[in-house]
Each structure stands twice: as structure tokens, then as C-alpha cells.
């Protein structure tokens, strides 16, 4: 049987409030409605049910057995709807007490900690789950809804209508060399002069691997790869140990005092744009709006690398 249009959730809330308080005036005060509106809601609810719920005694209403029987079902209906609204809003990132952020290992020295501190100051009760990984893994997790936002590096602007991008800062890719290497005294490095050198790279899916390939495409040759690793820390340690050279973003220089960063010749320039990405469908989420605001502030306060 179709539910009559006179039966609405708002009227069920008024009905349940009356069953709990037993007074039109008290329901009016609690719900911020006039007494006339409360009375009308109860009367039209009866019309929709095609069944009396109250006995009228002057200006007062006395609940009938039908009202008590209906109240049990109305309570479950309202509770289920409230729970559904809560879960949907939480899934969409609205009013959630937790936010899931993904980022790169190379951003954990300054950028991400500063963003997390600022976000917690803005929303003290917000719990933050941080996931670290490659660009590829983080983009996949964002698309599948396992992350709410990601802060990654990109070689060029993101052309995806499903995502909203908030740029933070630009980072320059440079030669990473062990201390005392033959290139240590150079102001700029010509990659053409490094054809015989061995290099260490990150695996596919990392933005730094893309930057590496981009720079050598500009140089016109494929470098000899001594080793490919899966994380930035292993790569830095291998470079500092003299196993090979690499091309790394300038932001990771502070991870180790045992490697030297030397700018590339302008012909091979490669840059990464550190960017916040959030799903367009959720950009109005209060938590994501707060994160985006902090990213914009960070971008204004952070000079280009």
C-alpha cells in the first residue's frame, strides 16, 4: 500500500515529541513551532493514516491505544532514517570525525606535518589517518574512495574533471650525488656529460620516477640503471654510499647530510607541482574545505623551491 503524502518524517517527529511530552505547548517550545502548527501536524497525520490517534478533550489531546501502537513503528522509522543520514553524510565526508589523507614519503619532513598541525588547530576533534605511498597507489585509493584527499607531486596540471586540484608549491628536480663526487664543484650539471654514469631510480608509479624519465628524455638518452628501489629512503642511502647517482626533488635534501644536490642545466629542467587533490563530488565537505584552506595558506607561505 502506498504511503499517503500526509505522512512525513517531520510529522512523525512531532508525533513522537507529543507522545513523549504530552503537551502541545511543550512540543511547540521544543521544536520551535507554533502550537497551531503542532496541532495541524498531528491532525493531518491522522488524516494520512485514516485512523484516529487522539481523543480531543477541549483543547487537550489524549493518546488512544492506536497512538501507542503506532509510536513504536514511528520511532523505528525515524531512527532508521537518522542512522541512514548519518552514514551517508559520513561516507560523503560531511560531519565525519575522521579524514583519510594520502601523501608521498618525500613530503613527510615539512609539508605534511605542518599541514596536519594546522588542520588540527582548525578542527581539534578531527582524527587524521595518513597513508603514504606512490602517486599511482594514492590516485587509485582516492578513486576507489579509500582516501578522502591526497597531496602528491605532479609533472603537469591534472586534467581530470572529477578532481579538484589545489597547488601548494613547485619543487625543482636536481642531481643527487654522494659527497665529494666529480660533479661537486659544478654550478649546473650537463646530463650529456653523465652518459657513462650509473643511476638509481624509484620504481614506476612514483612522480620522481616520472621526473627522472622526463629529464633524460630532454637529454636524449637512456641512462644506465644500477638499481631500482621502492622507497625514497633506500634510494638516498644508496646514493650516499656511492652506488650511483639519481635525480631527486630538492625537498628531500634534508633527509641526509651525506648527499649533495646540484641543479641541472636548464635544458633538462624538470619540476614537480605539489598539489592537493580531492574528489569534485566531495569538495564541499567541511573537512576537505578545511584541508584545502590550509593547503592554500601553506602555498602562500612557502617560497618556490
Protein backbone atom coordinates (compact mmCIF):
# COMPACT_ATOMS: atom_id res chain seq x y z
CA UNK A 1 0.00 0.00 0.00
CA UNK A 2 1.35 3.42 -0.94
CA UNK A 3 2.13 5.76 1.94
CA UNK A 4 -0.18 8.78 1.96
CA UNK A 5 1.56 12.06 1.20
CA UNK A 6 0.29 13.45 4.51
CA UNK A 7 2.60 11.07 6.37
CA UNK A 8 6.03 12.72 6.55
CA UNK A 9 9.10 12.25 8.71
CA UNK A 10 8.69 15.74 10.15
CA UNK A 11 5.17 14.89 11.27
CA UNK A 12 6.42 11.66 12.78
CA UNK A 13 8.96 13.68 14.78
CA UNK A 14 6.18 15.98 16.02
CA UNK A 15 4.03 12.97 16.87
CA UNK A 16 6.83 11.27 18.83
CA UNK A 17 7.61 14.50 20.67
CA UNK A 18 3.95 14.78 21.71
CA UNK A 19 3.89 11.14 22.86
CA UNK A 20 6.95 11.89 24.99
CA UNK A 21 5.91 15.30 26.35
CA UNK A 22 2.10 15.00 26.38
CA UNK A 23 1.59 18.73 25.78
CA UNK A 24 1.09 20.78 22.64
CA UNK A 25 2.74 23.79 24.30
CA UNK A 26 5.83 21.84 25.34
CA UNK A 27 6.19 20.28 21.87
CA UNK A 28 5.82 23.75 20.36
CA UNK A 29 8.61 25.07 22.58
CA UNK A 30 10.96 22.13 21.95
CA UNK A 31 10.53 22.07 18.17
CA UNK A 32 10.33 25.81 17.60
CA UNK A 33 6.88 25.64 16.00
CA UNK A 34 3.65 27.33 16.90
CA UNK A 35 1.03 25.39 18.84
CA UNK A 36 -1.26 25.68 15.82
CA UNK A 37 1.41 24.08 13.57
CA UNK A 38 1.91 21.22 16.03
CA UNK A 39 -1.82 20.58 16.23
CA UNK A 40 -2.15 20.70 12.45
CA UNK A 41 0.73 18.21 12.02
CA UNK A 42 -0.95 15.73 14.36
CA UNK A 43 -4.35 16.20 12.73
CA UNK A 44 -3.09 15.74 9.17
CA UNK A 45 -1.05 12.72 10.30
CA UNK A 46 -4.32 11.13 11.42
CA UNK A 47 -5.82 12.00 8.04
CA UNK A 48 -2.92 10.28 6.29
CA UNK A 49 -3.29 7.20 8.46
CA UNK A 50 -7.06 7.22 8.04
CA UNK A 51 -7.20 6.29 11.71
CA UNK A 52 -7.70 8.35 14.90
CA UNK A 53 -4.71 8.61 17.22
CA UNK A 54 -6.05 11.02 19.84
CA UNK A 55 -9.21 11.81 21.73
CA UNK A 56 -9.95 15.54 21.94
CA UNK A 57 -10.95 16.85 25.32
CA UNK A 58 -11.42 20.58 24.93
CA UNK A 59 -8.05 21.96 23.86
CA UNK A 60 -6.21 18.88 25.06
CA UNK A 61 -5.37 15.67 23.25
CA UNK A 62 -5.31 12.25 24.89
CA UNK A 63 -3.45 9.45 23.16
CA UNK A 64 -5.51 6.43 22.15
CA UNK A 65 -4.17 2.83 22.10
CA UNK A 66 -3.65 3.29 18.36
CA UNK A 67 -1.20 6.13 19.07
CA UNK A 68 0.88 3.94 21.39
CA UNK A 69 0.92 1.13 18.85
CA UNK A 70 1.92 3.47 16.03
CA UNK A 71 4.60 5.20 18.14
CA UNK A 72 6.73 2.02 18.27
CA UNK A 73 6.86 1.82 14.48
CA UNK A 74 7.27 5.57 14.03
CA UNK A 75 10.24 5.54 16.40
CA UNK A 76 11.96 2.80 14.39
CA UNK A 77 11.26 4.61 11.10
CA UNK A 78 12.72 7.90 12.35
CA UNK A 79 15.71 6.17 13.96
CA UNK A 80 16.48 4.22 10.78
CA UNK A 81 16.26 7.38 8.70
CA UNK A 82 18.53 9.29 11.10
CA UNK A 83 21.07 6.45 11.04
CA UNK A 84 20.94 6.35 7.24
CA UNK A 85 21.52 10.09 7.03
CA UNK A 86 24.44 9.83 9.45
CA UNK A 87 26.10 7.02 7.49
CA UNK A 88 25.60 8.68 4.11
CA UNK A 89 26.95 12.00 5.36
CA UNK A 90 29.92 10.26 6.93
CA UNK A 91 30.59 8.34 3.71
CA UNK A 92 30.46 11.62 1.79
CA UNK A 93 32.83 13.25 4.28
CA UNK A 94 30.24 15.59 5.83
CA UNK A 95 30.20 15.89 9.62
CA UNK A 96 32.67 12.98 9.82
CA UNK A 97 35.06 12.95 12.76
CA UNK A 98 37.84 11.37 10.69
CA UNK A 99 39.63 12.28 7.47
CA UNK A 100 41.83 9.93 5.44
CA UNK A 101 44.73 11.68 3.72
CA UNK A 102 47.31 10.14 1.40
CA UNK A 103 50.72 11.58 0.61
CA UNK A 104 54.27 10.89 -0.54
CA UNK A 105 57.13 9.84 1.75
CA UNK A 106 59.15 12.78 0.44
CA UNK A 107 56.62 15.25 1.90
CA UNK A 108 56.83 13.94 5.47
CA UNK A 109 59.71 16.17 6.58
CA UNK A 110 57.98 19.55 6.50
CA UNK A 111 54.88 19.82 4.33
CA UNK A 112 52.62 17.10 5.72
CA UNK A 113 53.46 17.62 9.43
CA UNK A 114 52.80 21.36 9.11
CA UNK A 115 49.51 20.73 7.32
CA UNK A 116 48.41 18.21 9.96
CA UNK A 117 49.21 20.59 12.82
CA UNK A 118 47.34 23.45 11.14
CA UNK A 119 44.35 21.22 10.35
CA UNK A 120 44.16 20.00 13.97
CA UNK A 121 44.26 23.59 15.21
CA UNK A 122 41.38 24.45 12.88
CA UNK A 123 39.37 21.31 13.77
CA UNK A 124 40.65 19.96 17.12
CA UNK A 125 38.25 16.98 17.24
CA UNK A 126 39.14 15.75 13.77
CA UNK A 127 41.03 12.45 13.61
CA UNK A 128 43.50 12.13 10.73
CA UNK A 129 44.55 8.85 9.12
CA UNK A 130 47.70 9.28 6.99
CA UNK A 131 48.61 6.83 4.24
CA UNK A 132 51.96 7.06 2.43
CA UNK A 133 52.63 5.60 -1.00
CA UNK A 134 53.35 6.25 -4.65
CA UNK A 135 51.36 8.55 -6.91
CA UNK A 136 49.84 5.54 -8.61
CA UNK A 137 48.72 3.87 -5.40
CA UNK A 138 47.35 7.07 -3.89
CA UNK A 139 45.41 8.06 -7.01
CA UNK A 140 43.86 4.60 -7.13
CA UNK A 141 42.88 4.75 -3.46
CA UNK A 142 41.33 8.18 -3.98
CA UNK A 143 39.31 6.96 -6.98
CA UNK A 144 38.11 3.91 -5.04
CA UNK A 145 37.02 6.00 -2.05
CA UNK A 146 39.61 4.58 0.36
CA UNK A 147 41.14 8.04 0.77
CA UNK A 148 39.37 11.40 1.14
CA UNK A 149 42.22 13.52 -0.22
CA UNK A 150 45.81 13.17 -1.39
CA UNK A 151 48.81 15.50 -1.50
CA UNK A 152 51.14 14.41 -4.29
CA UNK A 153 53.61 15.76 -6.83
CA UNK A 154 52.62 16.04 -10.49
CA UNK A 155 54.71 16.74 -13.58
CA UNK A 156 51.94 18.78 -15.20
CA UNK A 157 48.50 20.07 -14.32
CA UNK A 158 45.90 17.39 -13.56
CA UNK A 159 43.35 17.21 -16.38
CA UNK A 160 40.57 15.32 -14.65
CA UNK A 161 37.10 16.84 -14.32
CA UNK A 162 36.35 14.52 -11.41
CA UNK A 163 39.10 16.07 -9.26
CA UNK A 164 39.68 19.48 -7.71
CA UNK A 165 43.36 20.50 -7.53
CA UNK A 166 44.86 22.95 -5.03
CA UNK A 167 48.56 23.71 -5.82
CA UNK A 168 50.89 24.16 -2.83
CA UNK A 169 54.37 24.76 -4.22
CA UNK A 170 56.72 23.86 -7.06
CA UNK A 171 59.85 21.79 -6.46
CA UNK A 172 62.92 21.53 -8.67
CA UNK A 173 64.45 18.18 -9.58
CA UNK A 174 68.25 18.13 -9.21
CA UNK A 175 71.16 15.71 -9.41
CA UNK A 176 71.68 13.81 -6.15
CA UNK A 177 75.32 12.82 -5.76
CA UNK A 178 77.47 11.46 -2.93
CA UNK A 179 79.70 13.97 -1.17
CA UNK A 180 82.99 14.52 -2.98
CA UNK A 181 81.76 13.35 -6.37
CA UNK A 182 83.44 14.73 -9.54
CA UNK A 183 80.40 16.95 -10.07
CA UNK A 184 80.50 18.52 -6.60
CA UNK A 185 82.00 21.84 -7.70
CA UNK A 186 79.66 22.47 -10.63
CA UNK A 187 77.03 25.19 -10.59
CA UNK A 188 74.98 23.24 -13.16
CA UNK A 189 75.14 19.67 -14.35
CA UNK A 190 75.03 18.75 -18.05
CA UNK A 191 73.36 15.34 -18.22
CA UNK A 192 75.10 14.73 -21.55
CA UNK A 193 78.38 14.54 -19.60
CA UNK A 194 76.96 11.71 -17.46
CA UNK A 195 76.36 9.12 -20.18
CA UNK A 196 78.77 6.66 -18.61
CA UNK A 197 77.49 7.02 -15.03
CA UNK A 198 75.21 4.61 -13.20
CA UNK A 199 71.92 5.75 -11.73
CA UNK A 200 69.49 4.57 -9.07
CA UNK A 201 65.79 5.14 -9.66
CA UNK A 202 62.44 4.71 -7.98
CA UNK A 203 60.00 2.19 -9.40
CA UNK A 204 57.15 3.03 -11.73
CA UNK A 205 54.23 4.91 -10.21
CA UNK A 206 56.29 7.48 -8.31
CA UNK A 207 56.29 11.08 -9.53
CA UNK A 208 60.07 11.20 -9.03
CA UNK A 209 60.43 8.30 -11.47
CA UNK A 210 58.42 10.37 -13.98
CA UNK A 211 60.68 13.36 -13.35
CA UNK A 212 63.76 11.18 -13.89
CA UNK A 213 62.45 9.94 -17.22
CA UNK A 214 61.40 13.43 -18.28
CA UNK A 215 64.87 14.89 -17.66
CA UNK A 216 66.66 12.16 -19.60
CA UNK A 217 64.17 12.42 -22.45
CA UNK A 218 65.26 16.04 -22.67
CA UNK A 219 68.88 14.84 -22.67
CA UNK A 220 68.14 12.38 -25.47
CA UNK A 221 69.45 9.14 -24.00
CA UNK A 222 68.53 6.33 -21.61
CA UNK A 223 70.87 6.26 -18.59
CA UNK A 224 72.38 3.08 -17.24
CA UNK A 225 70.37 1.94 -14.23
CA UNK A 226 72.34 0.24 -11.47
CA UNK A 227 69.33 -0.41 -9.28
CA UNK A 228 65.61 0.32 -8.93
CA UNK A 229 64.12 0.69 -5.45
CA UNK A 230 60.70 1.09 -3.94
CA UNK A 231 61.19 3.94 -1.48
CA UNK A 232 62.95 7.27 -1.29
CA UNK A 233 64.92 6.45 1.86
CA UNK A 234 66.63 3.40 0.37
CA UNK A 235 67.45 5.44 -2.72
CA UNK A 236 69.05 8.23 -0.65
CA UNK A 237 71.13 5.73 1.32
CA UNK A 238 72.36 4.04 -1.85
CA UNK A 239 73.35 7.37 -3.39
CA UNK A 240 75.17 8.42 -0.23
CA UNK A 241 77.01 5.08 -0.29
CA UNK A 242 78.36 5.76 -3.78
CA UNK A 243 76.32 3.07 -5.57
CA UNK A 244 75.08 5.54 -8.16
CA UNK A 245 73.57 8.94 -8.85
CA UNK A 246 69.92 9.91 -9.03
CA UNK A 247 67.60 12.78 -9.85
CA UNK A 248 65.55 13.85 -6.84
CA UNK A 249 63.33 16.77 -5.83
CA UNK A 250 65.15 19.40 -3.79
CA UNK A 251 62.79 18.92 -0.82
CA UNK A 252 64.43 15.61 0.17
CA UNK A 253 67.89 17.19 0.65
CA UNK A 254 67.29 17.48 4.39
CA UNK A 255 66.76 13.73 4.73
CA UNK A 256 70.52 13.16 4.55
CA UNK A 257 73.66 15.23 5.07
CA UNK A 258 75.69 12.69 3.08
CA UNK A 259 74.44 13.63 -0.38
CA UNK A 260 74.81 16.79 -2.40
CA UNK A 261 72.18 18.35 -4.65
CA UNK A 262 73.36 20.05 -7.83
CA UNK A 263 70.99 21.91 -10.21
CA UNK A 264 70.54 20.58 -13.73
CA UNK A 265 71.33 22.57 -16.82
CA UNK A 266 68.22 24.49 -17.91
CA UNK A 267 67.87 22.24 -20.99
CA UNK A 268 66.96 19.32 -18.73
CA UNK A 269 64.87 21.21 -16.21
CA UNK A 270 62.20 19.13 -14.53
CA UNK A 271 59.79 20.31 -11.85
CA UNK A 272 57.11 18.81 -9.64
CA UNK A 273 53.97 20.68 -8.61
CA UNK A 274 52.97 19.61 -5.10
CA UNK A 275 49.18 19.52 -5.24
CA UNK A 276 46.19 18.63 -3.09
CA UNK A 277 43.61 16.54 -4.95
CA UNK A 278 40.06 15.95 -3.72
CA UNK A 279 37.04 14.41 -5.48
CA UNK A 280 34.87 17.12 -7.04
CA UNK A 281 31.78 15.36 -5.69
CA UNK A 282 33.01 15.98 -2.14
CA UNK A 283 34.74 19.34 -2.41
CA UNK A 284 32.10 20.99 -0.15
CA UNK A 285 32.77 18.60 2.71
CA UNK A 286 33.66 20.71 5.78
CA UNK A 287 36.74 18.60 6.50
CA UNK A 288 38.01 18.86 2.93
CA UNK A 289 37.27 22.59 2.82
CA UNK A 290 39.38 23.00 5.95
CA UNK A 291 42.22 20.95 4.45
CA UNK A 292 42.07 22.92 1.18
CA UNK A 293 42.19 26.21 3.11
CA UNK A 294 45.31 25.09 4.99
CA UNK A 295 46.93 23.97 1.74
CA UNK A 296 46.32 27.40 0.21
CA UNK A 297 47.82 29.08 3.27
CA UNK A 298 50.82 26.77 3.11
CA UNK A 299 51.28 27.62 -0.56
CA UNK A 300 51.28 31.35 0.17
CA UNK A 301 53.85 30.95 2.93
CA UNK A 302 56.15 28.55 1.07
CA UNK A 303 58.58 30.01 -1.48
CA UNK A 304 59.21 28.14 -4.71
CA UNK A 305 61.96 25.58 -4.35
